[in-house]
Amino acid sequence: MPLLEINGLKKSFITPDGGTHCVVDIAGFTLGEREQVALSGESGSGKTTFLNLIAGILAPDAGSLRLNGADMASLSERERDRLRATSIGYIFQTFNLLQGYSALENVLLGMSFGPGADKPFAEMLLRRVGLGEKLRHLPRQLSTGQQQRVAVARALANRPKLVLADEPTGNLDLANAREALRLIRDICHESGAALLLVSHDRDVLAGFEKVQELAKLNQATVAAQ
């Protein structure tokens, strides 16, 4: 059984004029355990909505989305939150770090939504991403690349089965982008997590053995073209 299996997934939003705009319409998609896949997606292709549906942040209008055997669409909001906290790590383009908390505290807070804080493991993750000397630093005291490393450590904090990455190198220069991508892929491989990464960066996409075009999967995007 695939780790992630999607069938007939649809999501629409109400437009300002009261109409309906279909953003996601994906007939089928699967991702195996430990598999690493990149989705190429330009602005407006529905990539963030798609990832948010997988993460259970948004509820679909139709279709099934099974993660590790559980049908996300049939779960209550509380149950989706629990599954997300224990099975999914999310790396955002904007990092989403809490500015008043240290690097270590950001990772520990991420753990609080799952099994609970594990300080030794949090410290180990930050050392693994090269921040062992900056555990007490606030985000503003870190470079952009270092903040992304904190975000990577936080995403892996609850030992997820699946890591979602939404344009994770979009705010980094070329050197830091390459390093961040290598780090994300290596740590996912070491931890046994599958990786689903969305990017429009050709350099990022070129590093993956398996790349799919989101526009071809998403019938809503095709219909809009």
Protein backbone atom coordinates (compact mmCIF):
# COMPACT_ATOMS: atom_id res chain seq x y z
CA MET A 1 0.00 0.00 0.00
CA PRO A 2 1.38 3.48 -0.87
CA LEU A 3 2.14 5.84 2.00
CA LEU A 4 0.02 8.49 0.25
CA GLU A 5 -2.84 7.65 -2.12
CA ILE A 6 -5.09 10.29 -3.69
CA ASN A 7 -8.17 9.72 -5.83
CA GLY A 8 -10.57 12.30 -7.29
CA LEU A 9 -9.33 15.10 -5.01
CA LYS A 10 -11.12 18.44 -5.56
CA LYS A 11 -11.03 21.83 -3.87
CA SER A 12 -12.78 25.04 -4.92
CA PHE A 13 -13.00 28.53 -3.46
CA ILE A 14 -15.65 31.22 -3.68
CA THR A 15 -14.60 34.18 -5.83
CA PRO A 16 -15.35 37.83 -4.88
CA ASP A 17 -18.21 37.92 -7.39
CA GLY A 18 -19.83 34.89 -5.76
CA GLY A 19 -18.70 32.35 -8.33
CA THR A 20 -16.73 29.16 -7.74
CA HIS A 21 -13.11 28.69 -8.75
CA CYS A 22 -11.75 25.14 -8.83
CA VAL A 23 -8.10 25.15 -7.72
CA VAL A 24 -7.37 21.44 -7.29
CA ASP A 25 -8.82 18.59 -9.36
CA ILE A 26 -6.46 15.64 -9.23
CA ALA A 27 -7.69 12.26 -10.47
CA GLY A 28 -4.93 10.22 -8.92
CA PHE A 29 -1.54 10.45 -7.22
CA THR A 30 0.53 8.06 -5.10
CA LEU A 31 3.72 8.31 -3.08
CA GLY A 32 5.54 5.33 -1.61
CA GLU A 33 7.27 5.03 1.73
CA ARG A 34 10.70 6.71 1.73
CA GLU A 35 10.10 7.90 -1.84
CA GLN A 36 11.32 11.37 -2.81
CA VAL A 37 9.31 13.17 -5.49
CA ALA A 38 9.44 16.73 -6.81
CA LEU A 39 6.41 18.45 -8.30
CA SER A 40 7.09 21.29 -10.70
CA GLY A 41 4.52 24.01 -10.21
CA GLU A 42 4.33 27.61 -11.30
CA SER A 43 2.41 30.34 -9.51
CA GLY A 44 -1.33 29.65 -9.68
CA SER A 45 -0.94 25.92 -10.31
CA GLY A 46 -2.55 25.04 -6.98
CA LYS A 47 0.61 23.70 -5.37
CA THR A 48 0.17 25.23 -1.91
CA THR A 49 -3.51 24.27 -1.82
CA PHE A 50 -2.56 20.73 -2.83
CA LEU A 51 0.02 20.45 -0.05
CA ASN A 52 -2.40 21.94 2.48
CA LEU A 53 -4.99 19.33 1.51
CA ILE A 54 -2.44 16.56 2.03
CA ALA A 55 -1.48 18.06 5.39
CA GLY A 56 -5.11 18.26 6.50
CA ILE A 57 -4.93 22.04 6.87
CA LEU A 58 -7.73 22.25 4.31
CA ALA A 59 -10.60 19.81 3.86
CA PRO A 60 -11.33 18.67 0.28
CA ASP A 61 -14.69 19.18 -1.40
CA ALA A 62 -14.56 15.68 -2.85
CA GLY A 63 -12.31 12.68 -3.24
CA SER A 64 -10.21 10.51 -0.97
CA LEU A 65 -6.78 11.15 0.47
CA ARG A 66 -5.27 8.26 2.38
CA LEU A 67 -2.12 8.81 4.44
CA ASN A 68 -0.52 5.79 6.06
CA GLY A 69 -3.85 3.97 5.72
CA ALA A 70 -6.02 6.73 7.21
CA ASP A 71 -8.57 8.56 5.03
CA MET A 72 -7.99 12.25 5.81
CA ALA A 73 -11.35 13.28 4.34
CA SER A 74 -13.28 11.08 6.77
CA LEU A 75 -11.50 12.39 9.87
CA SER A 76 -12.75 15.15 12.13
CA GLU A 77 -10.76 18.38 12.30
CA ARG A 78 -9.27 17.26 15.63
CA GLU A 79 -8.31 13.87 14.20
CA ARG A 80 -6.70 15.52 11.15
CA ASP A 81 -4.71 17.80 13.45
CA ARG A 82 -3.49 14.79 15.40
CA LEU A 83 -2.52 12.85 12.27
CA ARG A 84 -0.70 15.88 10.88
CA ALA A 85 1.20 16.40 14.14
CA THR A 86 2.37 12.80 14.30
CA SER A 87 2.82 11.84 10.65
CA ILE A 88 3.61 14.98 8.62
CA GLY A 89 6.45 17.48 8.66
CA TYR A 90 5.94 20.72 6.73
CA ILE A 91 8.71 23.00 5.46
CA PHE A 92 7.39 26.39 4.40
CA GLN A 93 9.01 28.84 2.02
CA THR A 94 8.74 31.60 4.62
CA PHE A 95 10.02 29.31 7.43
CA ASN A 96 7.20 30.36 9.85
CA LEU A 97 9.53 30.51 12.84
CA LEU A 98 8.30 32.17 16.03
CA GLN A 99 10.45 35.27 16.32
CA GLY A 100 10.41 35.50 20.11
CA TYR A 101 11.72 31.98 20.61
CA SER A 102 15.17 30.48 20.17
CA ALA A 103 16.07 27.89 17.56
CA LEU A 104 15.77 25.13 20.17
CA GLU A 105 12.45 26.46 21.47
CA ASN A 106 11.02 26.58 17.94
CA VAL A 107 11.81 22.88 17.51
CA LEU A 108 10.49 21.99 20.97
CA LEU A 109 7.26 23.87 20.30
CA GLY A 110 6.84 21.86 17.11
CA MET A 111 7.16 18.72 19.20
CA SER A 112 4.44 19.87 21.61
CA PHE A 113 1.78 19.21 18.95
CA GLY A 114 2.89 15.57 18.66
CA PRO A 115 4.22 13.05 21.17
CA GLY A 116 5.70 15.81 23.33
CA ALA A 117 8.96 17.68 23.84
CA ASP A 118 12.15 15.64 23.57
CA LYS A 119 14.98 18.06 24.26
CA PRO A 120 17.89 15.68 23.56
CA PHE A 121 16.39 14.77 20.17
CA ALA A 122 15.69 18.42 19.36
CA GLU A 123 19.27 19.32 20.16
CA MET A 124 20.52 16.40 18.08
CA LEU A 125 18.48 17.57 15.08
CA LEU A 126 19.85 21.09 15.35
CA ARG A 127 23.39 19.75 15.59
CA ARG A 128 22.68 17.59 12.54
CA VAL A 129 21.72 20.67 10.53
CA GLY A 130 24.85 22.49 11.68
CA LEU A 131 23.35 24.69 14.39
CA GLY A 132 24.78 23.05 17.49
CA GLU A 133 26.41 26.32 18.50
CA LYS A 134 23.27 28.40 17.92
CA LEU A 135 20.62 26.61 19.98
CA ARG A 136 19.81 29.75 21.98
CA HIS A 137 19.86 32.15 19.03
CA LEU A 138 16.64 33.92 18.06
CA PRO A 139 15.60 33.81 14.36
CA ARG A 140 16.69 37.44 13.84
CA GLN A 141 20.17 36.46 15.04
CA LEU A 142 20.44 33.80 12.34
CA SER A 143 21.08 34.13 8.63
CA THR A 144 18.34 33.24 6.17
CA GLY A 145 20.02 29.91 5.44
CA GLN A 146 20.31 29.13 9.15
CA GLN A 147 16.64 29.94 9.69
CA GLN A 148 15.78 27.43 6.96
CA ARG A 149 17.86 24.84 8.82
CA VAL A 150 15.81 25.43 11.95
CA ALA A 151 12.66 24.92 9.85
CA VAL A 152 14.07 21.63 8.53
CA ALA A 153 14.86 20.43 12.07
CA ARG A 154 11.37 21.40 13.23
CA ALA A 155 9.76 19.52 10.34
CA LEU A 156 11.58 16.33 11.36
CA ALA A 157 11.02 16.81 15.10
CA ASN A 158 8.08 14.39 15.41
CA ARG A 159 9.68 11.70 13.24
CA PRO A 160 7.08 12.07 10.45
CA LYS A 161 6.33 9.51 7.78
CA LEU A 162 5.96 12.28 5.19
CA VAL A 163 7.71 15.62 4.76
CA LEU A 164 6.04 18.27 2.60
CA ALA A 165 8.21 21.11 1.28
CA ASP A 166 6.61 24.16 -0.38
CA GLU A 167 9.27 26.07 -2.35
CA PRO A 168 11.74 25.50 0.52
CA THR A 169 14.62 27.19 -1.31
CA GLY A 170 12.63 30.15 -2.65
CA ASN A 171 14.11 32.68 -0.21
CA LEU A 172 17.70 31.44 -0.43
CA ASP A 173 20.61 32.33 -2.67
CA LEU A 174 21.99 29.65 -4.99
CA ALA A 175 24.64 28.31 -2.60
CA ASN A 176 22.28 28.14 0.38
CA ALA A 177 19.51 26.67 -1.80
CA ARG A 178 21.72 23.78 -2.88
CA GLU A 179 22.84 23.16 0.69
CA ALA A 180 19.28 23.31 2.02
CA LEU A 181 18.06 20.87 -0.62
CA ARG A 182 20.89 18.43 0.11
CA LEU A 183 20.14 18.69 3.82
CA ILE A 184 16.40 18.12 3.39
CA ARG A 185 16.92 15.07 1.19
CA ASP A 186 19.68 13.58 3.35
CA ILE A 187 17.77 13.94 6.61
CA CYS A 188 14.57 12.52 5.09
CA HIS A 189 16.59 9.56 3.82
CA GLU A 190 18.27 9.04 7.21
CA SER A 191 14.98 9.24 9.11
CA GLY A 192 13.03 7.06 6.67
CA ALA A 193 10.57 9.82 5.75
CA ALA A 194 9.08 10.24 2.29
CA LEU A 195 9.52 13.66 0.70
CA LEU A 196 7.12 15.56 -1.53
CA LEU A 197 8.66 18.85 -2.65
CA VAL A 198 7.09 21.51 -4.84
CA SER A 199 9.26 23.99 -6.71
CA HIS A 200 9.47 25.99 -9.91
CA ASP A 201 13.30 26.18 -9.69
CA ARG A 202 14.86 24.12 -12.47
CA ASP A 203 18.08 23.63 -10.49
CA VAL A 204 16.10 22.17 -7.60
CA LEU A 205 14.02 19.94 -9.85
CA ALA A 206 17.12 18.69 -11.68
CA GLY A 207 18.36 17.11 -8.47
CA PHE A 208 15.44 14.67 -8.25
CA GLU A 209 15.21 11.32 -9.99
CA LYS A 210 11.41 11.55 -10.08
CA VAL A 211 9.75 14.81 -11.17
CA GLN A 212 6.09 15.31 -12.08
CA GLU A 213 4.37 18.39 -13.45
CA LEU A 214 1.59 19.48 -11.14
CA ALA A 215 -0.20 21.19 -14.02
CA LYS A 216 -0.56 17.82 -15.78
CA LEU A 217 -1.92 16.16 -12.64
CA ASN A 218 -4.24 19.03 -11.82
CA GLN A 219 -7.18 19.07 -14.22
CA ALA A 220 -8.29 22.40 -12.73
CA THR A 221 -5.09 24.00 -14.01
CA VAL A 222 -5.46 22.41 -17.44
CA ALA A 223 -9.05 23.65 -17.70
CA ALA A 224 -7.96 27.20 -16.87
CA GLN A 225 -5.34 27.27 -19.65
